[in-house]
């Protein structure tokens, strides 16, 4: 049975006892306080514009441990020869809007509605949400964004306007996270795309245990372009 949240009470049911393939809660709001609390519990919002806010904690959970990154031979050539420039946190707003509005093959519409976009822009201003941007000839052609808490990066969405641009952004993200001693990237849902990079499914119980330990590390806030 789904739990309905009170907008005035920042609380969530225990994610370890929630269904693995169904929302554990609905309602509430997208305030920075609630979003950060949700991520710290291994919970994230995902819903369509005509639905209430839905909160999820999938089981199993797909994660990538930075040391296990796999880069295909063809992508290595792209990284070396394609001429992309990669930056961090210099154009978050355009990245998240591109994630919402750049068409994807076989996908109609977007789950990133205006309220979600505004909420994550606010988290970026507070130093918790980060973007990785790929440029070609000075134009933004790909990128991704997510939330960083402790030693965990919660990946949210990516886009590309040029082939391989989002893949290049992801590789640079993983390299940056290794430099910063991050433990894992939460990929949320299982996808073949992330599996090709070396991401694996782990039981939610293990994910929540790893997350709890990872959050003992200090959160690196502010623009990563300065690091």
C-alpha atoms as a PDB file:
ATOM      1  CA  UNK A   1       0.000   0.000   0.000  1.00  0.00           C
ATOM      2  CA  UNK A   2       1.432   3.370  -1.028  1.00  0.00           C
ATOM      3  CA  UNK A   3       2.113   5.933   1.726  1.00  0.00           C
ATOM      4  CA  UNK A   4       0.945   9.523   1.186  1.00  0.00           C
ATOM      5  CA  UNK A   5       3.302  12.199   2.464  1.00  0.00           C
ATOM      6  CA  UNK A   6       2.394  15.413   4.244  1.00  0.00           C
ATOM      7  CA  UNK A   7       3.939  18.532   2.701  1.00  0.00           C
ATOM      8  CA  UNK A   8       4.636  19.858   6.184  1.00  0.00           C
ATOM      9  CA  UNK A   9       6.389  16.745   7.479  1.00  0.00           C
ATOM     10  CA  UNK A  10       9.684  15.676   5.918  1.00  0.00           C
ATOM     11  CA  UNK A  11       9.476  11.938   6.506  1.00  0.00           C
ATOM     12  CA  UNK A  12       9.639   8.720   4.462  1.00  0.00           C
ATOM     13  CA  UNK A  13       8.754   5.115   5.205  1.00  0.00           C
ATOM     14  CA  UNK A  14      11.641   2.705   5.682  1.00  0.00           C
ATOM     15  CA  UNK A  15      12.940   1.954   2.153  1.00  0.00           C
ATOM     16  CA  UNK A  16      14.264  -1.460   3.202  1.00  0.00           C
ATOM     17  CA  UNK A  17      10.697  -2.724   3.591  1.00  0.00           C
ATOM     18  CA  UNK A  18       9.279  -1.027   0.471  1.00  0.00           C
ATOM     19  CA  UNK A  19       8.275  -2.854  -2.726  1.00  0.00           C
ATOM     20  CA  UNK A  20      11.174  -3.133  -5.154  1.00  0.00           C
ATOM     21  CA  UNK A  21       9.246  -2.325  -8.306  1.00  0.00           C
ATOM     22  CA  UNK A  22       6.588   0.107  -7.043  1.00  0.00           C
ATOM     23  CA  UNK A  23       6.710   3.568  -5.425  1.00  0.00           C
ATOM     24  CA  UNK A  24       7.111   3.514  -1.665  1.00  0.00           C
ATOM     25  CA  UNK A  25       5.422   6.916  -1.235  1.00  0.00           C
ATOM     26  CA  UNK A  26       3.591   9.712  -3.044  1.00  0.00           C
ATOM     27  CA  UNK A  27       3.015  13.385  -2.462  1.00  0.00           C
ATOM     28  CA  UNK A  28       5.063  15.724  -0.334  1.00  0.00           C
ATOM     29  CA  UNK A  29       7.086  18.342  -2.165  1.00  0.00           C
ATOM     30  CA  UNK A  30      10.386  18.905  -3.959  1.00  0.00           C
ATOM     31  CA  UNK A  31      11.968  21.195  -1.400  1.00  0.00           C
ATOM     32  CA  UNK A  32      15.768  20.957  -1.065  1.00  0.00           C
ATOM     33  CA  UNK A  33      15.366  19.608   2.468  1.00  0.00           C
ATOM     34  CA  UNK A  34      13.077  16.775   1.376  1.00  0.00           C
ATOM     35  CA  UNK A  35      15.127  15.910  -1.713  1.00  0.00           C
ATOM     36  CA  UNK A  36      18.398  15.717   0.208  1.00  0.00           C
ATOM     37  CA  UNK A  37      16.770  13.640   2.946  1.00  0.00           C
ATOM     38  CA  UNK A  38      15.307  11.297   0.330  1.00  0.00           C
ATOM     39  CA  UNK A  39      18.635  10.751  -1.402  1.00  0.00           C
ATOM     40  CA  UNK A  40      20.328  10.112   1.935  1.00  0.00           C
ATOM     41  CA  UNK A  41      17.840   7.257   2.430  1.00  0.00           C
ATOM     42  CA  UNK A  42      18.334   5.852  -1.068  1.00  0.00           C
ATOM     43  CA  UNK A  43      15.030   7.284  -2.317  1.00  0.00           C
ATOM     44  CA  UNK A  44      14.474   9.438  -5.409  1.00  0.00           C
ATOM     45  CA  UNK A  45      11.493  11.076  -7.160  1.00  0.00           C
ATOM     46  CA  UNK A  46      10.328   9.851 -10.559  1.00  0.00           C
ATOM     47  CA  UNK A  47       6.908  10.623 -11.981  1.00  0.00           C
ATOM     48  CA  UNK A  48       5.055  11.955 -15.006  1.00  0.00           C
ATOM     49  CA  UNK A  49       3.555  15.429 -15.203  1.00  0.00           C
ATOM     50  CA  UNK A  50      -0.012  14.152 -14.776  1.00  0.00           C
ATOM     51  CA  UNK A  51       0.884  12.159 -11.630  1.00  0.00           C
ATOM     52  CA  UNK A  52       1.553  13.139  -8.010  1.00  0.00           C
ATOM     53  CA  UNK A  53       5.196  13.107  -6.929  1.00  0.00           C
ATOM     54  CA  UNK A  54       6.202   9.443  -6.700  1.00  0.00           C
ATOM     55  CA  UNK A  55       9.161   8.267  -4.595  1.00  0.00           C
ATOM     56  CA  UNK A  56      11.147   5.120  -5.416  1.00  0.00           C
ATOM     57  CA  UNK A  57      13.749   2.796  -3.915  1.00  0.00           C
ATOM     58  CA  UNK A  58      14.242  -0.017  -6.461  1.00  0.00           C
ATOM     59  CA  UNK A  59      15.378  -3.520  -5.625  1.00  0.00           C
ATOM     60  CA  UNK A  60      17.815  -4.502  -7.046  1.00  0.00           C
ATOM     61  CA  UNK A  61      19.769  -1.284  -7.527  1.00  0.00           C
ATOM     62  CA  UNK A  62      22.234  -0.640 -10.349  1.00  0.00           C
ATOM     63  CA  UNK A  63      25.494   0.975  -9.276  1.00  0.00           C
ATOM     64  CA  UNK A  64      28.904   1.628 -10.763  1.00  0.00           C
ATOM     65  CA  UNK A  65      31.993   1.430  -8.597  1.00  0.00           C
ATOM     66  CA  UNK A  66      34.491   3.896 -10.119  1.00  0.00           C
ATOM     67  CA  UNK A  67      37.363   1.387 -10.193  1.00  0.00           C
ATOM     68  CA  UNK A  68      35.222  -0.932 -12.338  1.00  0.00           C
ATOM     69  CA  UNK A  69      34.630   1.513 -15.197  1.00  0.00           C
ATOM     70  CA  UNK A  70      34.790  -0.175 -18.602  1.00  0.00           C
ATOM     71  CA  UNK A  71      35.624   1.878 -21.688  1.00  0.00           C
ATOM     72  CA  UNK A  72      35.182   0.232 -25.081  1.00  0.00           C
ATOM     73  CA  UNK A  73      37.950   0.384 -27.657  1.00  0.00           C
ATOM     74  CA  UNK A  74      35.842   2.606 -29.897  1.00  0.00           C
ATOM     75  CA  UNK A  75      35.092   5.036 -27.053  1.00  0.00           C
ATOM     76  CA  UNK A  76      38.781   5.226 -26.179  1.00  0.00           C
ATOM     77  CA  UNK A  77      39.409   6.421 -29.732  1.00  0.00           C
ATOM     78  CA  UNK A  78      36.650   9.023 -29.382  1.00  0.00           C
ATOM     79  CA  UNK A  79      38.109  10.275 -26.106  1.00  0.00           C
ATOM     80  CA  UNK A  80      41.502  10.640 -27.738  1.00  0.00           C
ATOM     81  CA  UNK A  81      40.641  12.005 -31.164  1.00  0.00           C
ATOM     82  CA  UNK A  82      37.120  13.470 -31.350  1.00  0.00           C
ATOM     83  CA  UNK A  83      37.987  16.967 -30.100  1.00  0.00           C
ATOM     84  CA  UNK A  84      35.453  17.199 -27.264  1.00  0.00           C
ATOM     85  CA  UNK A  85      36.013  19.627 -24.392  1.00  0.00           C
ATOM     86  CA  UNK A  86      34.552  18.620 -21.027  1.00  0.00           C
ATOM     87  CA  UNK A  87      33.667  21.020 -18.210  1.00  0.00           C
ATOM     88  CA  UNK A  88      32.017  20.726 -14.796  1.00  0.00           C
ATOM     89  CA  UNK A  89      29.319  22.979 -13.358  1.00  0.00           C
ATOM     90  CA  UNK A  90      29.564  25.787 -15.906  1.00  0.00           C
ATOM     91  CA  UNK A  91      26.082  25.439 -17.457  1.00  0.00           C
ATOM     92  CA  UNK A  92      23.869  23.352 -15.183  1.00  0.00           C
ATOM     93  CA  UNK A  93      20.604  24.947 -16.267  1.00  0.00           C
ATOM     94  CA  UNK A  94      21.127  24.248 -19.952  1.00  0.00           C
ATOM     95  CA  UNK A  95      22.202  20.675 -19.201  1.00  0.00           C
ATOM     96  CA  UNK A  96      19.094  19.806 -17.185  1.00  0.00           C
ATOM     97  CA  UNK A  97      16.799  21.474 -19.713  1.00  0.00           C
ATOM     98  CA  UNK A  98      18.513  19.577 -22.515  1.00  0.00           C
ATOM     99  CA  UNK A  99      18.039  16.337 -20.572  1.00  0.00           C
ATOM    100  CA  UNK A 100      14.340  17.184 -20.491  1.00  0.00           C
ATOM    101  CA  UNK A 101      13.775  18.385 -24.025  1.00  0.00           C
ATOM    102  CA  UNK A 102      16.333  16.828 -26.398  1.00  0.00           C
ATOM    103  CA  UNK A 103      14.426  13.992 -28.149  1.00  0.00           C
ATOM    104  CA  UNK A 104      15.399  10.393 -27.445  1.00  0.00           C
ATOM    105  CA  UNK A 105      14.719   7.576 -29.912  1.00  0.00           C
ATOM    106  CA  UNK A 106      11.668   5.569 -28.858  1.00  0.00           C
ATOM    107  CA  UNK A 107      10.749   7.908 -26.016  1.00  0.00           C
ATOM    108  CA  UNK A 108       7.811  10.312 -26.027  1.00  0.00           C
ATOM    109  CA  UNK A 109       7.793  13.203 -23.604  1.00  0.00           C
ATOM    110  CA  UNK A 110       9.849  13.532 -20.422  1.00  0.00           C
ATOM    111  CA  UNK A 111       9.564  12.913 -16.691  1.00  0.00           C
ATOM    112  CA  UNK A 112      11.604  16.090 -16.106  1.00  0.00           C
ATOM    113  CA  UNK A 113       8.804  18.610 -15.720  1.00  0.00           C
ATOM    114  CA  UNK A 114       9.192  22.293 -14.822  1.00  0.00           C
ATOM    115  CA  UNK A 115       8.882  21.664 -11.064  1.00  0.00           C
ATOM    116  CA  UNK A 116      11.628  19.027 -11.183  1.00  0.00           C
ATOM    117  CA  UNK A 117      13.883  21.286 -13.222  1.00  0.00           C
ATOM    118  CA  UNK A 118      13.428  24.164 -10.786  1.00  0.00           C
ATOM    119  CA  UNK A 119      14.074  21.886  -7.809  1.00  0.00           C
ATOM    120  CA  UNK A 120      17.382  20.574  -9.146  1.00  0.00           C
ATOM    121  CA  UNK A 121      18.511  24.035 -10.231  1.00  0.00           C
ATOM    122  CA  UNK A 122      17.980  25.074  -6.613  1.00  0.00           C
ATOM    123  CA  UNK A 123      20.065  22.108  -5.419  1.00  0.00           C
ATOM    124  CA  UNK A 124      22.782  23.188  -7.847  1.00  0.00           C
ATOM    125  CA  UNK A 125      22.754  26.703  -6.378  1.00  0.00           C
ATOM    126  CA  UNK A 126      23.140  25.121  -2.937  1.00  0.00           C
ATOM    127  CA  UNK A 127      26.162  23.153  -4.145  1.00  0.00           C
ATOM    128  CA  UNK A 128      24.692  19.642  -4.141  1.00  0.00           C
ATOM    129  CA  UNK A 129      23.707  19.108  -7.789  1.00  0.00           C
ATOM    130  CA  UNK A 130      26.409  19.006 -10.452  1.00  0.00           C
ATOM    131  CA  UNK A 131      26.631  18.942 -14.220  1.00  0.00           C
ATOM    132  CA  UNK A 132      29.197  17.528 -16.597  1.00  0.00           C
ATOM    133  CA  UNK A 133      29.158  19.229 -19.998  1.00  0.00           C
ATOM    134  CA  UNK A 134      30.610  18.136 -23.328  1.00  0.00           C
ATOM    135  CA  UNK A 135      31.387  20.818 -25.893  1.00  0.00           C
ATOM    136  CA  UNK A 136      32.344  20.573 -29.551  1.00  0.00           C
ATOM    137  CA  UNK A 137      33.492  23.679 -31.392  1.00  0.00           C
ATOM    138  CA  UNK A 138      32.306  25.730 -28.422  1.00  0.00           C
ATOM    139  CA  UNK A 139      28.748  24.365 -28.458  1.00  0.00           C
ATOM    140  CA  UNK A 140      27.139  22.240 -25.741  1.00  0.00           C
ATOM    141  CA  UNK A 141      26.481  18.868 -27.379  1.00  0.00           C
ATOM    142  CA  UNK A 142      26.057  16.503 -24.451  1.00  0.00           C
ATOM    143  CA  UNK A 143      26.146  16.133 -20.711  1.00  0.00           C
ATOM    144  CA  UNK A 144      24.650  14.783 -17.530  1.00  0.00           C
ATOM    145  CA  UNK A 145      23.714  15.870 -14.033  1.00  0.00           C
ATOM    146  CA  UNK A 146      23.238  14.351 -10.609  1.00  0.00           C
ATOM    147  CA  UNK A 147      23.444  14.833  -6.853  1.00  0.00           C
ATOM    148  CA  UNK A 148      26.549  14.343  -4.712  1.00  0.00           C
ATOM    149  CA  UNK A 149      26.240  13.399  -1.040  1.00  0.00           C
ATOM    150  CA  UNK A 150      29.157  12.037   0.950  1.00  0.00           C
ATOM    151  CA  UNK A 151      30.956   9.512  -1.242  1.00  0.00           C
ATOM    152  CA  UNK A 152      28.000   8.732  -3.503  1.00  0.00           C
ATOM    153  CA  UNK A 153      26.979  10.385  -6.760  1.00  0.00           C
ATOM    154  CA  UNK A 154      23.318   9.903  -7.642  1.00  0.00           C
ATOM    155  CA  UNK A 155      23.096  10.014 -11.426  1.00  0.00           C
ATOM    156  CA  UNK A 156      19.878  11.536 -12.712  1.00  0.00           C
ATOM    157  CA  UNK A 157      19.855  12.030 -16.481  1.00  0.00           C
ATOM    158  CA  UNK A 158      22.019  12.593 -19.535  1.00  0.00           C
ATOM    159  CA  UNK A 159      21.597  13.815 -23.115  1.00  0.00           C
ATOM    160  CA  UNK A 160      23.483  14.088 -26.368  1.00  0.00           C
ATOM    161  CA  UNK A 161      23.105  16.056 -29.559  1.00  0.00           C
ATOM    162  CA  UNK A 162      26.224  14.511 -31.109  1.00  0.00           C
ATOM    163  CA  UNK A 163      27.111  10.819 -31.066  1.00  0.00           C
ATOM    164  CA  UNK A 164      29.154   9.759 -27.996  1.00  0.00           C
ATOM    165  CA  UNK A 165      28.913  13.174 -26.298  1.00  0.00           C
ATOM    166  CA  UNK A 166      27.100  11.879 -23.207  1.00  0.00           C
ATOM    167  CA  UNK A 167      29.424   8.870 -22.991  1.00  0.00           C
ATOM    168  CA  UNK A 168      32.420  11.196 -22.937  1.00  0.00           C
ATOM    169  CA  UNK A 169      30.792  13.218 -20.149  1.00  0.00           C
ATOM    170  CA  UNK A 170      30.192  10.045 -18.153  1.00  0.00           C
ATOM    171  CA  UNK A 171      33.780   8.845 -18.455  1.00  0.00           C
ATOM    172  CA  UNK A 172      35.035  12.230 -17.262  1.00  0.00           C
ATOM    173  CA  UNK A 173      32.575  12.110 -14.372  1.00  0.00           C
ATOM    174  CA  UNK A 174      33.879   8.730 -13.241  1.00  0.00           C
ATOM    175  CA  UNK A 175      37.471   9.921 -13.487  1.00  0.00           C
ATOM    176  CA  UNK A 176      36.626  12.981 -11.393  1.00  0.00           C
ATOM    177  CA  UNK A 177      34.864  10.844  -8.801  1.00  0.00           C
ATOM    178  CA  UNK A 178      37.919   8.598  -8.533  1.00  0.00           C
ATOM    179  CA  UNK A 179      40.068  11.671  -7.890  1.00  0.00           C
ATOM    180  CA  UNK A 180      37.648  12.770  -5.168  1.00  0.00           C
ATOM    181  CA  UNK A 181      37.560   9.305  -3.540  1.00  0.00           C
ATOM    182  CA  UNK A 182      33.886   8.595  -4.216  1.00  0.00           C
ATOM    183  CA  UNK A 183      32.592   5.114  -3.472  1.00  0.00           C
ATOM    184  CA  UNK A 184      29.897   4.606  -6.083  1.00  0.00           C
ATOM    185  CA  UNK A 185      27.547   6.044  -8.661  1.00  0.00           C
ATOM    186  CA  UNK A 186      23.886   5.255  -8.160  1.00  0.00           C
ATOM    187  CA  UNK A 187      22.458   4.504 -11.607  1.00  0.00           C
ATOM    188  CA  UNK A 188      18.990   3.898 -10.114  1.00  0.00           C
ATOM    189  CA  UNK A 189      17.406   1.754 -12.831  1.00  0.00           C
ATOM    190  CA  UNK A 190      19.092  -1.167 -14.554  1.00  0.00           C
ATOM    191  CA  UNK A 191      19.962  -0.424 -18.195  1.00  0.00           C
ATOM    192  CA  UNK A 192      22.155  -2.170 -20.776  1.00  0.00           C
ATOM    193  CA  UNK A 193      23.816   1.202 -21.432  1.00  0.00           C
ATOM    194  CA  UNK A 194      25.141   1.468 -17.872  1.00  0.00           C
ATOM    195  CA  UNK A 195      25.996  -2.238 -17.783  1.00  0.00           C
ATOM    196  CA  UNK A 196      28.348  -1.692 -20.720  1.00  0.00           C
ATOM    197  CA  UNK A 197      30.232   0.820 -18.575  1.00  0.00           C
ATOM    198  CA  UNK A 198      30.646  -1.791 -15.837  1.00  0.00           C
ATOM    199  CA  UNK A 199      27.632  -1.029 -13.668  1.00  0.00           C
ATOM    200  CA  UNK A 200      26.133  -3.979 -11.799  1.00  0.00           C
ATOM    201  CA  UNK A 201      22.932  -4.782  -9.954  1.00  0.00           C
ATOM    202  CA  UNK A 202      23.179  -5.252  -6.209  1.00  0.00           C
ATOM    203  CA  UNK A 203      20.423  -6.052  -3.678  1.00  0.00           C
ATOM    204  CA  UNK A 204      18.797  -2.990  -2.166  1.00  0.00           C
ATOM    205  CA  UNK A 205      19.880  -4.144   1.297  1.00  0.00           C
ATOM    206  CA  UNK A 206      23.515  -4.030   0.213  1.00  0.00           C
ATOM    207  CA  UNK A 207      23.018  -0.682  -1.534  1.00  0.00           C
ATOM    208  CA  UNK A 208      21.526   0.896   1.598  1.00  0.00           C
ATOM    209  CA  UNK A 209      24.376  -0.448   3.743  1.00  0.00           C
ATOM    210  CA  UNK A 210      26.979   0.894   1.329  1.00  0.00           C
ATOM    211  CA  UNK A 211      25.166   4.216   1.141  1.00  0.00           C
ATOM    212  CA  UNK A 212      25.060   4.559   4.921  1.00  0.00           C
ATOM    213  CA  UNK A 213      28.829   4.075   5.121  1.00  0.00           C
ATOM    214  CA  UNK A 214      29.448   6.324   2.123  1.00  0.00           C
ATOM    215  CA  UNK A 215      27.530   9.200   3.676  1.00  0.00           C
ATOM    216  CA  UNK A 216      30.034   9.297   6.535  1.00  0.00           C
ATOM    217  CA  UNK A 217      32.390  11.063   4.143  1.00  0.00           C
ATOM    218  CA  UNK A 218      32.086  14.861   3.942  1.00  0.00           C
ATOM    219  CA  UNK A 219      29.969  16.218   1.086  1.00  0.00           C
ATOM    220  CA  UNK A 220      31.971  18.276  -1.408  1.00  0.00           C
ATOM    221  CA  UNK A 221      29.692  21.240  -2.053  1.00  0.00           C
ATOM    222  CA  UNK A 222      30.068  24.070  -4.520  1.00  0.00           C
ATOM    223  CA  UNK A 223      31.109  24.173  -8.147  1.00  0.00           C
ATOM    224  CA  UNK A 224      33.319  21.309  -9.202  1.00  0.00           C
ATOM    225  CA  UNK A 225      34.801  23.551 -11.888  1.00  0.00           C
ATOM    226  CA  UNK A 226      36.869  24.978  -9.012  1.00  0.00           C
ATOM    227  CA  UNK A 227      38.336  21.612  -7.972  1.00  0.00           C
END
